[in-house]
Amino acid sequence: MVEFTLVSALVSLVFLAVVQLAVVVHVRNTLVDCAGDGARFGALAGNGPQFAVQRTQQLVTADLSARYAQDVSAGTEDVGGVPTVVVRVRAPLPVIGLFGVGSGLSVAGHAMAERP
């Protein structure tokens, strides 16, 4: 009986760790997608980095939470002589469920800027 209790506790702990890892990967992938979409929106002719930040914040808030959309920045860079819009998102690393601490996740999205 004691063996069953010990083994079931260990199996439960491993299961919860795997589920939490899946949550972290999901949050990271969602942030990467939102940053990329925001960069593509900011790269459109007539738009700029400020539009990319707004769009990324809207997407992150809709998909995850406003807490994850607090530290979004955008700018322009030259990559191989091509102007690009870069959106960077720093968000909490989910530790228990979606509740996270600090700014453990940092992702970026790039898009080639259209010329007007």
PDB file of N, CA and C in Angstrom:
ATOM      1  N   MET A   1       0.813  -1.198   0.000  1.00  0.00           N
ATOM      2  CA  MET A   1       0.000   0.000   0.000  1.00  0.00           C
ATOM      3  C   MET A   1       0.859   1.265   0.000  1.00  0.00           C
ATOM      4  N   VAL A   2       1.958   1.233   0.756  1.00  0.00           N
ATOM      5  CA  VAL A   2       2.848   2.393   0.814  1.00  0.00           C
ATOM      6  C   VAL A   2       3.494   2.625  -0.550  1.00  0.00           C
ATOM      7  N   GLU A   3       3.843   1.539  -1.238  1.00  0.00           N
ATOM      8  CA  GLU A   3       4.458   1.679  -2.548  1.00  0.00           C
ATOM      9  C   GLU A   3       3.520   2.371  -3.528  1.00  0.00           C
ATOM     10  N   PHE A   4       2.240   2.009  -3.475  1.00  0.00           N
ATOM     11  CA  PHE A   4       1.263   2.631  -4.363  1.00  0.00           C
ATOM     12  C   PHE A   4       1.181   4.129  -4.105  1.00  0.00           C
ATOM     13  N   THR A   5       1.174   4.528  -2.852  1.00  0.00           N
ATOM     14  CA  THR A   5       1.094   5.942  -2.500  1.00  0.00           C
ATOM     15  C   THR A   5       2.313   6.700  -3.011  1.00  0.00           C
ATOM     16  N   LEU A   6       3.481   6.158  -2.814  1.00  0.00           N
ATOM     17  CA  LEU A   6       4.704   6.818  -3.265  1.00  0.00           C
ATOM     18  C   LEU A   6       4.773   6.905  -4.787  1.00  0.00           C
ATOM     19  N   VAL A   7       4.438   5.826  -5.453  1.00  0.00           N
ATOM     20  CA  VAL A   7       4.487   5.811  -6.919  1.00  0.00           C
ATOM     21  C   VAL A   7       3.426   6.733  -7.504  1.00  0.00           C
ATOM     22  N   SER A   8       2.225   6.725  -6.945  1.00  0.00           N
ATOM     23  CA  SER A   8       1.171   7.602  -7.476  1.00  0.00           C
ATOM     24  C   SER A   8       1.506   9.072  -7.257  1.00  0.00           C
ATOM     25  N   ALA A   9       2.136   9.401  -6.148  1.00  0.00           N
ATOM     26  CA  ALA A   9       2.561  10.785  -5.923  1.00  0.00           C
ATOM     27  C   ALA A   9       3.623  11.194  -6.938  1.00  0.00           C
ATOM     28  N   LEU A  10       4.564  10.310  -7.204  1.00  0.00           N
ATOM     29  CA  LEU A  10       5.613  10.604  -8.180  1.00  0.00           C
ATOM     30  C   LEU A  10       5.047  10.738  -9.593  1.00  0.00           C
ATOM     31  N   VAL A  11       4.153   9.849  -9.963  1.00  0.00           N
ATOM     32  CA  VAL A  11       3.530   9.916 -11.290  1.00  0.00           C
ATOM     33  C   VAL A  11       2.715  11.197 -11.428  1.00  0.00           C
ATOM     34  N   SER A  12       2.008  11.579 -10.388  1.00  0.00           N
ATOM     35  CA  SER A  12       1.224  12.827 -10.424  1.00  0.00           C
ATOM     36  C   SER A  12       2.131  14.040 -10.587  1.00  0.00           C
ATOM     37  N   LEU A  13       3.253  14.046  -9.885  1.00  0.00           N
ATOM     38  CA  LEU A  13       4.197  15.156  -9.993  1.00  0.00           C
ATOM     39  C   LEU A  13       4.779  15.250 -11.403  1.00  0.00           C
ATOM     40  N   VAL A  14       5.144  14.124 -11.975  1.00  0.00           N
ATOM     41  CA  VAL A  14       5.679  14.116 -13.342  1.00  0.00           C
ATOM     42  C   VAL A  14       4.614  14.582 -14.331  1.00  0.00           C
ATOM     43  N   PHE A  15       3.381  14.145 -14.150  1.00  0.00           N
ATOM     44  CA  PHE A  15       2.294  14.560 -15.037  1.00  0.00           C
ATOM     45  C   PHE A  15       2.083  16.077 -14.967  1.00  0.00           C
ATOM     46  N   LEU A  16       2.066  16.641 -13.763  1.00  0.00           N
ATOM     47  CA  LEU A  16       1.880  18.085 -13.621  1.00  0.00           C
ATOM     48  C   LEU A  16       3.047  18.863 -14.234  1.00  0.00           C
ATOM     49  N   ALA A  17       4.258  18.338 -14.118  1.00  0.00           N
ATOM     50  CA  ALA A  17       5.414  18.995 -14.728  1.00  0.00           C
ATOM     51  C   ALA A  17       5.310  19.004 -16.246  1.00  0.00           C
ATOM     52  N   VAL A  18       4.842  17.914 -16.823  1.00  0.00           N
ATOM     53  CA  VAL A  18       4.682  17.844 -18.282  1.00  0.00           C
ATOM     54  C   VAL A  18       3.590  18.802 -18.740  1.00  0.00           C
ATOM     55  N   VAL A  19       2.501  18.888 -17.995  1.00  0.00           N
ATOM     56  CA  VAL A  19       1.422  19.819 -18.343  1.00  0.00           C
ATOM     57  C   VAL A  19       1.919  21.261 -18.259  1.00  0.00           C
ATOM     58  N   GLN A  20       2.693  21.597 -17.227  1.00  0.00           N
ATOM     59  CA  GLN A  20       3.213  22.952 -17.097  1.00  0.00           C
ATOM     60  C   GLN A  20       4.188  23.276 -18.225  1.00  0.00           C
ATOM     61  N   LEU A  21       4.998  22.322 -18.623  1.00  0.00           N
ATOM     62  CA  LEU A  21       5.896  22.536 -19.754  1.00  0.00           C
ATOM     63  C   LEU A  21       5.102  22.808 -21.028  1.00  0.00           C
ATOM     64  N   ALA A  22       4.003  22.107 -21.213  1.00  0.00           N
ATOM     65  CA  ALA A  22       3.143  22.347 -22.373  1.00  0.00           C
ATOM     66  C   ALA A  22       2.555  23.763 -22.323  1.00  0.00           C
ATOM     67  N   VAL A  23       2.198  24.231 -21.140  1.00  0.00           N
ATOM     68  CA  VAL A  23       1.669  25.600 -20.998  1.00  0.00           C
ATOM     69  C   VAL A  23       2.745  26.621 -21.373  1.00  0.00           C
ATOM     70  N   VAL A  24       3.966  26.415 -20.917  1.00  0.00           N
ATOM     71  CA  VAL A  24       5.059  27.337 -21.241  1.00  0.00           C
ATOM     72  C   VAL A  24       5.303  27.378 -22.749  1.00  0.00           C
ATOM     73  N   VAL A  25       5.334  26.226 -23.388  1.00  0.00           N
ATOM     74  CA  VAL A  25       5.553  26.175 -24.837  1.00  0.00           C
ATOM     75  C   VAL A  25       4.399  26.848 -25.577  1.00  0.00           C
ATOM     76  N   HIS A  26       3.170  26.632 -25.115  1.00  0.00           N
ATOM     77  CA  HIS A  26       2.013  27.271 -25.745  1.00  0.00           C
ATOM     78  C   HIS A  26       2.100  28.796 -25.629  1.00  0.00           C
ATOM     79  N   VAL A  27       2.427  29.303 -24.450  1.00  0.00           N
ATOM     80  CA  VAL A  27       2.538  30.759 -24.252  1.00  0.00           C
ATOM     81  C   VAL A  27       3.636  31.326 -25.134  1.00  0.00           C
ATOM     82  N   ARG A  28       4.785  30.655 -25.200  1.00  0.00           N
ATOM     83  CA  ARG A  28       5.884  31.144 -26.034  1.00  0.00           C
ATOM     84  C   ARG A  28       5.485  31.176 -27.507  1.00  0.00           C
ATOM     85  N   ASN A  29       4.879  30.103 -27.988  1.00  0.00           N
ATOM     86  CA  ASN A  29       4.462  30.059 -29.394  1.00  0.00           C
ATOM     87  C   ASN A  29       3.412  31.114 -29.698  1.00  0.00           C
ATOM     88  N   THR A  30       2.510  31.348 -28.774  1.00  0.00           N
ATOM     89  CA  THR A  30       1.490  32.382 -28.971  1.00  0.00           C
ATOM     90  C   THR A  30       2.131  33.761 -29.038  1.00  0.00           C
ATOM     91  N   LEU A  31       3.095  34.025 -28.163  1.00  0.00           N
ATOM     92  CA  LEU A  31       3.780  35.320 -28.189  1.00  0.00           C
ATOM     93  C   LEU A  31       4.578  35.513 -29.477  1.00  0.00           C
ATOM     94  N   VAL A  32       5.233  34.458 -29.959  1.00  0.00           N
ATOM     95  CA  VAL A  32       5.978  34.546 -31.221  1.00  0.00           C
ATOM     96  C   VAL A  32       5.029  34.862 -32.373  1.00  0.00           C
ATOM     97  N   ASP A  33       3.874  34.204 -32.401  1.00  0.00           N
ATOM     98  CA  ASP A  33       2.893  34.440 -33.458  1.00  0.00           C
ATOM     99  C   ASP A  33       2.364  35.864 -33.402  1.00  0.00           C
ATOM    100  N   CYS A  34       2.051  36.355 -32.202  1.00  0.00           N
ATOM    101  CA  CYS A  34       1.535  37.718 -32.056  1.00  0.00           C
ATOM    102  C   CYS A  34       2.592  38.750 -32.449  1.00  0.00           C
ATOM    103  N   ALA A  35       3.856  38.523 -32.065  1.00  0.00           N
ATOM    104  CA  ALA A  35       4.931  39.451 -32.433  1.00  0.00           C
ATOM    105  C   ALA A  35       5.138  39.470 -33.941  1.00  0.00           C
ATOM    106  N   GLY A  36       5.082  38.316 -34.571  1.00  0.00           N
ATOM    107  CA  GLY A  36       5.234  38.261 -36.027  1.00  0.00           C
ATOM    108  C   GLY A  36       4.097  38.951 -36.752  1.00  0.00           C
ATOM    109  N   ASP A  37       2.878  38.729 -36.272  1.00  0.00           N
ATOM    110  CA  ASP A  37       1.720  39.376 -36.892  1.00  0.00           C
ATOM    111  C   ASP A  37       1.773  40.888 -36.688  1.00  0.00           C
ATOM    112  N   GLY A  38       2.181  41.318 -35.493  1.00  0.00           N
ATOM    113  CA  GLY A  38       2.328  42.752 -35.238  1.00  0.00           C
ATOM    114  C   GLY A  38       3.400  43.370 -36.115  1.00  0.00           C
ATOM    115  N   ALA A  39       4.513  42.655 -36.324  1.00  0.00           N
ATOM    116  CA  ALA A  39       5.578  43.158 -37.191  1.00  0.00           C
ATOM    117  C   ALA A  39       5.091  43.268 -38.636  1.00  0.00           C
ATOM    118  N   ARG A  40       4.334  42.273 -39.092  1.00  0.00           N
ATOM    119  CA  ARG A  40       3.798  42.348 -40.463  1.00  0.00           C
ATOM    120  C   ARG A  40       2.836  43.527 -40.615  1.00  0.00           C
ATOM    121  N   PHE A  41       2.031  43.787 -39.587  1.00  0.00           N
ATOM    122  CA  PHE A  41       1.107  44.920 -39.645  1.00  0.00           C
ATOM    123  C   PHE A  41       1.880  46.237 -39.654  1.00  0.00           C
ATOM    124  N   GLY A  42       2.924  46.333 -38.838  1.00  0.00           N
ATOM    125  CA  GLY A  42       3.723  47.556 -38.805  1.00  0.00           C
ATOM    126  C   GLY A  42       4.559  47.755 -40.055  1.00  0.00           C
ATOM    127  N   ALA A  43       4.815  46.683 -40.796  1.00  0.00           N
ATOM    128  CA  ALA A  43       5.637  46.775 -42.001  1.00  0.00           C
ATOM    129  C   ALA A  43       4.842  47.213 -43.224  1.00  0.00           C
ATOM    130  N   LEU A  44       3.532  47.252 -43.115  1.00  0.00           N
ATOM    131  CA  LEU A  44       2.724  47.690 -44.258  1.00  0.00           C
ATOM    132  C   LEU A  44       3.010  49.147 -44.592  1.00  0.00           C
ATOM    133  N   ALA A  45       2.910  49.501 -45.872  1.00  0.00           N
ATOM    134  CA  ALA A  45       3.139  50.877 -46.295  1.00  0.00           C
ATOM    135  C   ALA A  45       2.144  51.791 -45.583  1.00  0.00           C
ATOM    136  N   GLY A  46       2.645  52.855 -45.011  1.00  0.00           N
ATOM    137  CA  GLY A  46       1.797  53.798 -44.289  1.00  0.00           C
ATOM    138  C   GLY A  46       1.729  53.521 -42.798  1.00  0.00           C
ATOM    139  N   ASN A  47       2.154  52.350 -42.368  1.00  0.00           N
ATOM    140  CA  ASN A  47       2.202  52.025 -40.946  1.00  0.00           C
ATOM    141  C   ASN A  47       3.634  52.149 -40.460  1.00  0.00           C
ATOM    142  N   GLY A  48       3.833  51.973 -39.182  1.00  0.00           N
ATOM    143  CA  GLY A  48       5.172  52.040 -38.618  1.00  0.00           C
ATOM    144  C   GLY A  48       5.250  51.239 -37.337  1.00  0.00           C
ATOM    145  N   PRO A  49       6.362  51.361 -36.634  1.00  0.00           N
ATOM    146  CA  PRO A  49       6.545  50.589 -35.402  1.00  0.00           C
ATOM    147  C   PRO A  49       5.472  50.849 -34.343  1.00  0.00           C
ATOM    148  N   GLN A  50       4.958  52.063 -34.253  1.00  0.00           N
ATOM    149  CA  GLN A  50       3.932  52.346 -33.242  1.00  0.00           C
ATOM    150  C   GLN A  50       2.656  51.551 -33.522  1.00  0.00           C
ATOM    151  N   PHE A  51       2.329  51.337 -34.788  1.00  0.00           N
ATOM    152  CA  PHE A  51       1.171  50.511 -35.130  1.00  0.00           C
ATOM    153  C   PHE A  51       1.447  49.043 -34.816  1.00  0.00           C
ATOM    154  N   ALA A  52       2.707  48.642 -34.990  1.00  0.00           N
ATOM    155  CA  ALA A  52       3.087  47.261 -34.678  1.00  0.00           C
ATOM    156  C   ALA A  52       2.924  46.974 -33.192  1.00  0.00           C
ATOM    157  N   VAL A  53       3.298  47.925 -32.342  1.00  0.00           N
ATOM    158  CA  VAL A  53       3.153  47.752 -30.894  1.00  0.00           C
ATOM    159  C   VAL A  53       1.682  47.631 -30.516  1.00  0.00           C
ATOM    160  N   GLN A  54       0.847  48.520 -31.058  1.00  0.00           N
ATOM    161  CA  GLN A  54      -0.583  48.482 -30.740  1.00  0.00           C
ATOM    162  C   GLN A  54      -1.218  47.163 -31.177  1.00  0.00           C
ATOM    163  N   ARG A  55      -0.901  46.719 -32.377  1.00  0.00           N
ATOM    164  CA  ARG A  55      -1.479  45.480 -32.898  1.00  0.00           C
ATOM    165  C   ARG A  55      -1.019  44.272 -32.067  1.00  0.00           C
ATOM    166  N   THR A  56       0.255  44.243 -31.716  1.00  0.00           N
ATOM    167  CA  THR A  56       0.776  43.138 -30.915  1.00  0.00           C
ATOM    168  C   THR A  56       0.123  43.113 -29.542  1.00  0.00           C
ATOM    169  N   GLN A  57      -0.038  44.271 -28.917  1.00  0.00           N
ATOM    170  CA  GLN A  57      -0.686  44.322 -27.607  1.00  0.00           C
ATOM    171  C   GLN A  57      -2.135  43.846 -27.685  1.00  0.00           C
ATOM    172  N   GLN A  58      -2.838  44.226 -28.746  1.00  0.00           N
ATOM    173  CA  GLN A  58      -4.219  43.767 -28.915  1.00  0.00           C
ATOM    174  C   GLN A  58      -4.272  42.245 -29.050  1.00  0.00           C
ATOM    175  N   LEU A  59      -3.390  41.685 -29.858  1.00  0.00           N
ATOM    176  CA  LEU A  59      -3.395  40.242 -30.085  1.00  0.00           C
ATOM    177  C   LEU A  59      -3.024  39.462 -28.820  1.00  0.00           C
ATOM    178  N   VAL A  60      -1.998  39.914 -28.120  1.00  0.00           N
ATOM    179  CA  VAL A  60      -1.575  39.220 -26.898  1.00  0.00           C
ATOM    180  C   VAL A  60      -2.665  39.290 -25.837  1.00  0.00           C
ATOM    181  N   THR A  61      -3.294  40.459 -25.706  1.00  0.00           N
ATOM    182  CA  THR A  61      -4.380  40.600 -24.729  1.00  0.00           C
ATOM    183  C   THR A  61      -5.542  39.690 -25.074  1.00  0.00           C
ATOM    184  N   ALA A  62      -5.874  39.575 -26.345  1.00  0.00           N
ATOM    185  CA  ALA A  62      -6.991  38.719 -26.757  1.00  0.00           C
ATOM    186  C   ALA A  62      -6.654  37.240 -26.583  1.00  0.00           C
ATOM    187  N   ASP A  63      -5.411  36.847 -26.864  1.00  0.00           N
ATOM    188  CA  ASP A  63      -5.039  35.437 -26.819  1.00  0.00           C
ATOM    189  C   ASP A  63      -4.649  34.942 -25.429  1.00  0.00           C
ATOM    190  N   LEU A  64      -3.948  35.769 -24.659  1.00  0.00           N
ATOM    191  CA  LEU A  64      -3.459  35.329 -23.349  1.00  0.00           C
ATOM    192  C   LEU A  64      -4.037  36.179 -22.225  1.00  0.00           C
ATOM    193  N   SER A  65      -3.446  37.347 -22.019  1.00  0.00           N
ATOM    194  CA  SER A  65      -3.871  38.233 -20.937  1.00  0.00           C
ATOM    195  C   SER A  65      -3.170  39.572 -21.122  1.00  0.00           C
ATOM    196  N   ALA A  66      -3.755  40.617 -20.573  1.00  0.00           N
ATOM    197  CA  ALA A  66      -3.125  41.934 -20.660  1.00  0.00           C
ATOM    198  C   ALA A  66      -1.803  41.965 -19.900  1.00  0.00           C
ATOM    199  N   ARG A  67      -1.650  41.092 -18.932  1.00  0.00           N
ATOM    200  CA  ARG A  67      -0.417  41.015 -18.168  1.00  0.00           C
ATOM    201  C   ARG A  67       0.770  40.652 -19.064  1.00  0.00           C
ATOM    202  N   TYR A  68       0.523  39.875 -20.098  1.00  0.00           N
ATOM    203  CA  TYR A  68       1.587  39.457 -21.016  1.00  0.00           C
ATOM    204  C   TYR A  68       1.887  40.521 -22.072  1.00  0.00           C
ATOM    205  N   ALA A  69       1.056  41.551 -22.182  1.00  0.00           N
ATOM    206  CA  ALA A  69       1.223  42.569 -23.224  1.00  0.00           C
ATOM    207  C   ALA A  69       1.778  43.881 -22.681  1.00  0.00           C
ATOM    208  N   GLN A  70       2.346  43.872 -21.504  1.00  0.00           N
ATOM    209  CA  GLN A  70       2.809  45.121 -20.890  1.00  0.00           C
ATOM    210  C   GLN A  70       4.147  45.599 -21.422  1.00  0.00           C
ATOM    211  N   ASP A  71       5.014  44.697 -21.854  1.00  0.00           N
ATOM    212  CA  ASP A  71       6.350  45.082 -22.301  1.00  0.00           C
ATOM    213  C   ASP A  71       6.535  44.712 -23.775  1.00  0.00           C
ATOM    214  N   VAL A  72       5.980  45.534 -24.654  1.00  0.00           N
ATOM    215  CA  VAL A  72       6.085  45.323 -26.105  1.00  0.00           C
ATOM    216  C   VAL A  72       6.806  46.528 -26.689  1.00  0.00           C
ATOM    217  N   SER A  73       7.817  46.276 -27.489  1.00  0.00           N
ATOM    218  CA  SER A  73       8.532  47.367 -28.146  1.00  0.00           C
ATOM    219  C   SER A  73       8.737  47.011 -29.617  1.00  0.00           C
ATOM    220  N   ALA A  74       8.897  48.043 -30.423  1.00  0.00           N
ATOM    221  CA  ALA A  74       9.097  47.834 -31.859  1.00  0.00           C
ATOM    222  C   ALA A  74      10.072  48.867 -32.386  1.00  0.00           C
ATOM    223  N   GLY A  75      10.732  48.507 -33.449  1.00  0.00           N
ATOM    224  CA  GLY A  75      11.665  49.410 -34.096  1.00  0.00           C
ATOM    225  C   GLY A  75      11.972  48.906 -35.496  1.00  0.00           C
ATOM    226  N   THR A  76      12.889  49.582 -36.140  1.00  0.00           N
ATOM    227  CA  THR A  76      13.292  49.178 -37.481  1.00  0.00           C
ATOM    228  C   THR A  76      14.763  48.791 -37.452  1.00  0.00           C
ATOM    229  N   GLU A  77      15.116  47.835 -38.282  1.00  0.00           N
ATOM    230  CA  GLU A  77      16.501  47.378 -38.423  1.00  0.00           C
ATOM    231  C   GLU A  77      16.765  47.081 -39.890  1.00  0.00           C
ATOM    232  N   ASP A  78      18.027  47.122 -40.260  1.00  0.00           N
ATOM    233  CA  ASP A  78      18.441  46.682 -41.587  1.00  0.00           C
ATOM    234  C   ASP A  78      19.003  45.277 -41.463  1.00  0.00           C
ATOM    235  N   VAL A  79      18.414  44.348 -42.181  1.00  0.00           N
ATOM    236  CA  VAL A  79      18.902  42.976 -42.194  1.00  0.00           C
ATOM    237  C   VAL A  79      19.342  42.673 -43.615  1.00  0.00           C
ATOM    238  N   GLY A  80      20.638  42.615 -43.829  1.00  0.00           N
ATOM    239  CA  GLY A  80      21.163  42.358 -45.172  1.00  0.00           C
ATOM    240  C   GLY A  80      20.818  43.471 -46.147  1.00  0.00           C
ATOM    241  N   GLY A  81      20.742  44.694 -45.660  1.00  0.00           N
ATOM    242  CA  GLY A  81      20.403  45.820 -46.514  1.00  0.00           C
ATOM    243  C   GLY A  81      18.916  45.999 -46.758  1.00  0.00           C
ATOM    244  N   VAL A  82      18.094  45.176 -46.129  1.00  0.00           N
ATOM    245  CA  VAL A  82      16.642  45.251 -46.289  1.00  0.00           C
ATOM    246  C   VAL A  82      16.036  45.840 -45.024  1.00  0.00           C
ATOM    247  N   PRO A  83      15.242  46.914 -45.135  1.00  0.00           N
ATOM    248  CA  PRO A  83      14.621  47.463 -43.929  1.00  0.00           C
ATOM    249  C   PRO A  83      13.541  46.521 -43.390  1.00  0.00           C
ATOM    250  N   THR A  84      13.602  46.256 -42.096  1.00  0.00           N
ATOM    251  CA  THR A  84      12.626  45.372 -41.467  1.00  0.00           C
ATOM    252  C   THR A  84      12.060  46.036 -40.217  1.00  0.00           C
ATOM    253  N   VAL A  85      10.857  45.620 -39.864  1.00  0.00           N
ATOM    254  CA  VAL A  85      10.235  46.034 -38.602  1.00  0.00           C
ATOM    255  C   VAL A  85      10.399  44.872 -37.634  1.00  0.00           C
ATOM    256  N   VAL A  86      10.879  45.188 -36.434  1.00  0.00           N
ATOM    257  CA  VAL A  86      11.123  44.172 -35.407  1.00  0.00           C
ATOM    258  C   VAL A  86      10.251  44.482 -34.195  1.00  0.00           C
ATOM    259  N   VAL A  87       9.504  43.491 -33.743  1.00  0.00           N
ATOM    260  CA  VAL A  87       8.682  43.627 -32.540  1.00  0.00           C
ATOM    261  C   VAL A  87       9.250  42.681 -31.495  1.00  0.00           C
ATOM    262  N   ARG A  88       9.518  43.213 -30.309  1.00  0.00           N
ATOM    263  CA  ARG A  88      10.027  42.407 -29.199  1.00  0.00           C
ATOM    264  C   ARG A  88       9.001  42.402 -28.068  1.00  0.00           C
ATOM    265  N   VAL A  89       8.752  41.213 -27.536  1.00  0.00           N
ATOM    266  CA  VAL A  89       7.809  41.052 -26.428  1.00  0.00           C
ATOM    267  C   VAL A  89       8.541  40.372 -25.282  1.00  0.00           C
ATOM    268  N   ARG A  90       8.492  41.007 -24.115  1.00  0.00           N
ATOM    269  CA  ARG A  90       9.011  40.396 -22.886  1.00  0.00           C
ATOM    270  C   ARG A  90       7.816  40.147 -21.987  1.00  0.00           C
ATOM    271  N   ALA A  91       7.693  38.911 -21.520  1.00  0.00           N
ATOM    272  CA  ALA A  91       6.515  38.514 -20.749  1.00  0.00           C
ATOM    273  C   ALA A  91       6.933  37.610 -19.594  1.00  0.00           C
ATOM    274  N   PRO A  92       6.049  37.469 -18.621  1.00  0.00           N
ATOM    275  CA  PRO A  92       6.361  36.576 -17.501  1.00  0.00           C
ATOM    276  C   PRO A  92       6.438  35.120 -17.946  1.00  0.00           C
ATOM    277  N   LEU A  93       7.331  34.384 -17.322  1.00  0.00           N
ATOM    278  CA  LEU A  93       7.439  32.945 -17.558  1.00  0.00           C
ATOM    279  C   LEU A  93       6.391  32.255 -16.692  1.00  0.00           C
ATOM    280  N   PRO A  94       5.430  31.545 -17.307  1.00  0.00           N
ATOM    281  CA  PRO A  94       4.393  30.878 -16.509  1.00  0.00           C
ATOM    282  C   PRO A  94       4.995  29.799 -15.613  1.00  0.00           C
ATOM    283  N   VAL A  95       4.762  29.912 -14.310  1.00  0.00           N
ATOM    284  CA  VAL A  95       5.317  28.959 -13.358  1.00  0.00           C
ATOM    285  C   VAL A  95       4.245  27.980 -12.889  1.00  0.00           C
ATOM    286  N   ILE A  96       3.093  28.519 -12.527  1.00  0.00           N
ATOM    287  CA  ILE A  96       1.968  27.681 -12.111  1.00  0.00           C
ATOM    288  C   ILE A  96       0.775  28.102 -12.954  1.00  0.00           C
ATOM    289  N   GLY A  97       0.369  27.263 -13.891  1.00  0.00           N
ATOM    290  CA  GLY A  97      -0.690  27.649 -14.821  1.00  0.00           C
ATOM    291  C   GLY A  97      -0.193  28.803 -15.657  1.00  0.00           C
ATOM    292  N   LEU A  98      -0.992  29.874 -15.765  1.00  0.00           N
ATOM    293  CA  LEU A  98      -0.576  31.077 -16.496  1.00  0.00           C
ATOM    294  C   LEU A  98       0.011  32.140 -15.579  1.00  0.00           C
ATOM    295  N   PHE A  99       0.100  31.848 -14.284  1.00  0.00           N
ATOM    296  CA  PHE A  99       0.662  32.812 -13.352  1.00  0.00           C
ATOM    297  C   PHE A  99       2.173  32.720 -13.403  1.00  0.00           C
ATOM    298  N   GLY A 100       2.804  33.858 -13.744  1.00  0.00           N
ATOM    299  CA  GLY A 100       4.235  33.860 -13.922  1.00  0.00           C
ATOM    300  C   GLY A 100       4.924  34.938 -13.131  1.00  0.00           C
ATOM    301  N   VAL A 101       6.228  34.910 -13.202  1.00  0.00           N
ATOM    302  CA  VAL A 101       7.043  35.879 -12.486  1.00  0.00           C
ATOM    303  C   VAL A 101       8.048  36.504 -13.438  1.00  0.00           C
ATOM    304  N   GLY A 102       8.424  37.742 -13.133  1.00  0.00           N
ATOM    305  CA  GLY A 102       9.475  38.413 -13.885  1.00  0.00           C
ATOM    306  C   GLY A 102       9.187  38.540 -15.370  1.00  0.00           C
ATOM    307  N   SER A 103      10.255  38.669 -16.114  1.00  0.00           N
ATOM    308  CA  SER A 103      10.182  38.743 -17.577  1.00  0.00           C
ATOM    309  C   SER A 103      11.024  37.617 -18.157  1.00  0.00           C
ATOM    310  N   GLY A 104      10.634  36.409 -17.869  1.00  0.00           N
ATOM    311  CA  GLY A 104      11.415  35.248 -18.267  1.00  0.00           C
ATOM    312  C   GLY A 104      11.342  34.903 -19.734  1.00  0.00           C
ATOM    313  N   LEU A 105      10.287  35.313 -20.418  1.00  0.00           N
ATOM    314  CA  LEU A 105      10.154  35.019 -21.846  1.00  0.00           C
ATOM    315  C   LEU A 105      10.451  36.272 -22.658  1.00  0.00           C
ATOM    316  N   SER A 106      11.275  36.121 -23.659  1.00  0.00           N
ATOM    317  CA  SER A 106      11.581  37.224 -24.561  1.00  0.00           C
ATOM    318  C   SER A 106      11.551  36.678 -25.985  1.00  0.00           C
ATOM    319  N   VAL A 107      10.650  37.211 -26.800  1.00  0.00           N
ATOM    320  CA  VAL A 107      10.517  36.747 -28.180  1.00  0.00           C
ATOM    321  C   VAL A 107      10.539  37.947 -29.116  1.00  0.00           C
ATOM    322  N   ALA A 108      10.763  37.676 -30.383  1.00  0.00           N
ATOM    323  CA  ALA A 108      10.799  38.746 -31.381  1.00  0.00           C
ATOM    324  C   ALA A 108      10.150  38.271 -32.672  1.00  0.00           C
ATOM    325  N   GLY A 109       9.551  39.225 -33.377  1.00  0.00           N
ATOM    326  CA  GLY A 109       8.969  38.977 -34.690  1.00  0.00           C
ATOM    327  C   GLY A 109       9.524  39.972 -35.683  1.00  0.00           C
ATOM    328  N   HIS A 110       9.829  39.522 -36.899  1.00  0.00           N
ATOM    329  CA  HIS A 110      10.415  40.382 -37.938  1.00  0.00           C
ATOM    330  C   HIS A 110       9.539  40.357 -39.177  1.00  0.00           C
ATOM    331  N   ALA A 111       9.539  41.471 -39.890  1.00  0.00           N
ATOM    332  CA  ALA A 111       8.853  41.547 -41.173  1.00  0.00           C
ATOM    333  C   ALA A 111       9.541  42.579 -42.057  1.00  0.00           C
ATOM    334  N   MET A 112       9.633  42.270 -43.338  1.00  0.00           N
ATOM    335  CA  MET A 112      10.238  43.191 -44.286  1.00  0.00           C
ATOM    336  C   MET A 112       9.311  44.386 -44.510  1.00  0.00           C
ATOM    337  N   ALA A 113       9.835  45.586 -44.360  1.00  0.00           N
ATOM    338  CA  ALA A 113       9.028  46.794 -44.489  1.00  0.00           C
ATOM    339  C   ALA A 113       8.725  47.084 -45.955  1.00  0.00           C
ATOM    340  N   GLU A 114       7.475  47.430 -46.210  1.00  0.00           N
ATOM    341  CA  GLU A 114       7.100  47.845 -47.567  1.00  0.00           C
ATOM    342  C   GLU A 114       7.569  49.267 -47.799  1.00  0.00           C
ATOM    343  N   ARG A 115       7.910  49.543 -49.017  1.00  0.00           N
ATOM    344  CA  ARG A 115       8.303  50.918 -49.357  1.00  0.00           C
ATOM    345  C   ARG A 115       7.076  51.638 -49.902  1.00  0.00           C
ATOM    346  N   PRO A 116       6.855  52.865 -49.413  1.00  0.00           N
ATOM    347  CA  PRO A 116       5.665  53.615 -49.894  1.00  0.00           C
ATOM    348  C   PRO A 116       5.757  54.022 -51.338  1.00  0.00           C
TER     349      PRO A 116
END
